[in-house]
Amino acid sequence: MDRERSLAEMPEEKKSKNEKKGASGKIRGKVKIEVYGEEMVEKVVKLSGNSGRVYLPPDWVGCRVKIIRID
């Protein structure tokens, strides 16, 4: 409770990305996600207009992928 109160009093720009409140009003934290797949790449999202973009190998075209934000 004290942590929630201190975070609520802290200016939004000083909160870390994982401590900002979601739509439900609860503080979000990290969760463990286990995924089975064929290959994995780790990249940084680049700015592209008003959104972000990640380039993947051309042989992945047409394949299903899952994107997980880790920080």
C-alpha atoms as a PDB file:
ATOM      1  CA  MET A   1       0.000   0.000   0.000  1.00  0.00           C
ATOM      2  CA  ASP A   2       2.819   2.431   0.857  1.00  0.00           C
ATOM      3  CA  ARG A   3       4.496   1.704  -2.494  1.00  0.00           C
ATOM      4  CA  GLU A   4       1.264   2.456  -4.379  1.00  0.00           C
ATOM      5  CA  ARG A   5       0.794   5.689  -2.453  1.00  0.00           C
ATOM      6  CA  SER A   6       4.405   6.825  -3.079  1.00  0.00           C
ATOM      7  CA  LEU A   7       4.106   5.984  -6.802  1.00  0.00           C
ATOM      8  CA  ALA A   8       0.813   7.855  -7.017  1.00  0.00           C
ATOM      9  CA  GLU A   9       2.479  10.977  -5.599  1.00  0.00           C
ATOM     10  CA  MET A  10       5.480  10.712  -7.966  1.00  0.00           C
ATOM     11  CA  PRO A  11       5.289  12.679 -11.240  1.00  0.00           C
ATOM     12  CA  GLU A  12       4.453  10.482 -14.249  1.00  0.00           C
ATOM     13  CA  GLU A  13       7.778  11.163 -15.995  1.00  0.00           C
ATOM     14  CA  LYS A  14       9.771   9.802 -13.032  1.00  0.00           C
ATOM     15  CA  LYS A  15       7.960   6.455 -12.922  1.00  0.00           C
ATOM     16  CA  SER A  16       9.629   3.604 -14.748  1.00  0.00           C
ATOM     17  CA  LYS A  17       7.801   2.085 -17.710  1.00  0.00           C
ATOM     18  CA  ASN A  18       6.815  -0.966 -15.648  1.00  0.00           C
ATOM     19  CA  GLU A  19       5.402   1.085 -12.772  1.00  0.00           C
ATOM     20  CA  LYS A  20       2.922   3.146 -14.787  1.00  0.00           C
ATOM     21  CA  LYS A  21      -0.704   2.325 -14.194  1.00  0.00           C
ATOM     22  CA  GLY A  22      -2.577   0.419 -16.873  1.00  0.00           C
ATOM     23  CA  ALA A  23      -6.175   0.904 -17.985  1.00  0.00           C
ATOM     24  CA  SER A  24      -7.420  -1.048 -14.957  1.00  0.00           C
ATOM     25  CA  GLY A  25      -5.674   1.372 -12.565  1.00  0.00           C
ATOM     26  CA  LYS A  26      -3.362  -1.312 -11.139  1.00  0.00           C
ATOM     27  CA  ILE A  27       0.418  -1.068 -11.297  1.00  0.00           C
ATOM     28  CA  ARG A  28       1.854  -3.323 -14.001  1.00  0.00           C
ATOM     29  CA  GLY A  29       4.874  -5.524 -13.330  1.00  0.00           C
ATOM     30  CA  LYS A  30       6.875  -8.098 -15.234  1.00  0.00           C
ATOM     31  CA  VAL A  31       5.490 -11.561 -15.868  1.00  0.00           C
ATOM     32  CA  LYS A  32       7.169 -14.774 -16.940  1.00  0.00           C
ATOM     33  CA  ILE A  33       6.136 -15.897 -20.421  1.00  0.00           C
ATOM     34  CA  GLU A  34       7.090 -19.299 -21.811  1.00  0.00           C
ATOM     35  CA  VAL A  35       6.893 -19.649 -25.591  1.00  0.00           C
ATOM     36  CA  TYR A  36       7.761 -22.551 -27.897  1.00  0.00           C
ATOM     37  CA  GLY A  37       9.013 -21.734 -31.369  1.00  0.00           C
ATOM     38  CA  GLU A  38      11.476 -22.349 -34.167  1.00  0.00           C
ATOM     39  CA  GLU A  39      13.843 -19.351 -34.040  1.00  0.00           C
ATOM     40  CA  MET A  40      14.337 -16.221 -31.978  1.00  0.00           C
ATOM     41  CA  VAL A  41      15.833 -12.828 -32.718  1.00  0.00           C
ATOM     42  CA  GLU A  42      16.270  -9.945 -30.301  1.00  0.00           C
ATOM     43  CA  LYS A  43      16.096  -6.461 -31.768  1.00  0.00           C
ATOM     44  CA  VAL A  44      15.406  -2.870 -30.778  1.00  0.00           C
ATOM     45  CA  VAL A  45      12.253  -1.282 -32.206  1.00  0.00           C
ATOM     46  CA  LYS A  46      13.034   1.664 -34.491  1.00  0.00           C
ATOM     47  CA  LEU A  47      10.844   4.712 -35.001  1.00  0.00           C
ATOM     48  CA  SER A  48       8.789   4.600 -38.201  1.00  0.00           C
ATOM     49  CA  GLY A  49       6.402   7.525 -38.647  1.00  0.00           C
ATOM     50  CA  ASN A  50       3.945   7.441 -35.742  1.00  0.00           C
ATOM     51  CA  SER A  51       4.737   3.856 -34.721  1.00  0.00           C
ATOM     52  CA  GLY A  52       7.611   1.399 -34.357  1.00  0.00           C
ATOM     53  CA  ARG A  53       9.138  -1.089 -36.761  1.00  0.00           C
ATOM     54  CA  VAL A  54      11.183  -4.262 -36.429  1.00  0.00           C
ATOM     55  CA  TYR A  55      12.749  -5.856 -39.502  1.00  0.00           C
ATOM     56  CA  LEU A  56      12.726  -9.651 -39.600  1.00  0.00           C
ATOM     57  CA  PRO A  57      14.478 -12.106 -41.921  1.00  0.00           C
ATOM     58  CA  PRO A  58      12.850 -12.427 -45.371  1.00  0.00           C
ATOM     59  CA  ASP A  59      12.318 -16.168 -44.957  1.00  0.00           C
ATOM     60  CA  TRP A  60       9.949 -15.360 -42.045  1.00  0.00           C
ATOM     61  CA  VAL A  61       7.462 -13.702 -44.434  1.00  0.00           C
ATOM     62  CA  GLY A  62       4.115 -15.495 -44.108  1.00  0.00           C
ATOM     63  CA  CYS A  63       5.039 -17.062 -40.749  1.00  0.00           C
ATOM     64  CA  ARG A  64       3.304 -16.342 -37.451  1.00  0.00           C
ATOM     65  CA  VAL A  65       5.407 -14.454 -34.896  1.00  0.00           C
ATOM     66  CA  LYS A  66       4.875 -13.271 -31.334  1.00  0.00           C
ATOM     67  CA  ILE A  67       6.331  -9.994 -30.123  1.00  0.00           C
ATOM     68  CA  ILE A  68       7.124  -9.625 -26.411  1.00  0.00           C
ATOM     69  CA  ARG A  69       8.274  -6.300 -24.957  1.00  0.00           C
ATOM     70  CA  ILE A  70      11.003  -7.044 -22.411  1.00  0.00           C
ATOM     71  CA  ASP A  71      11.748  -3.537 -21.097  1.00  0.00           C
END
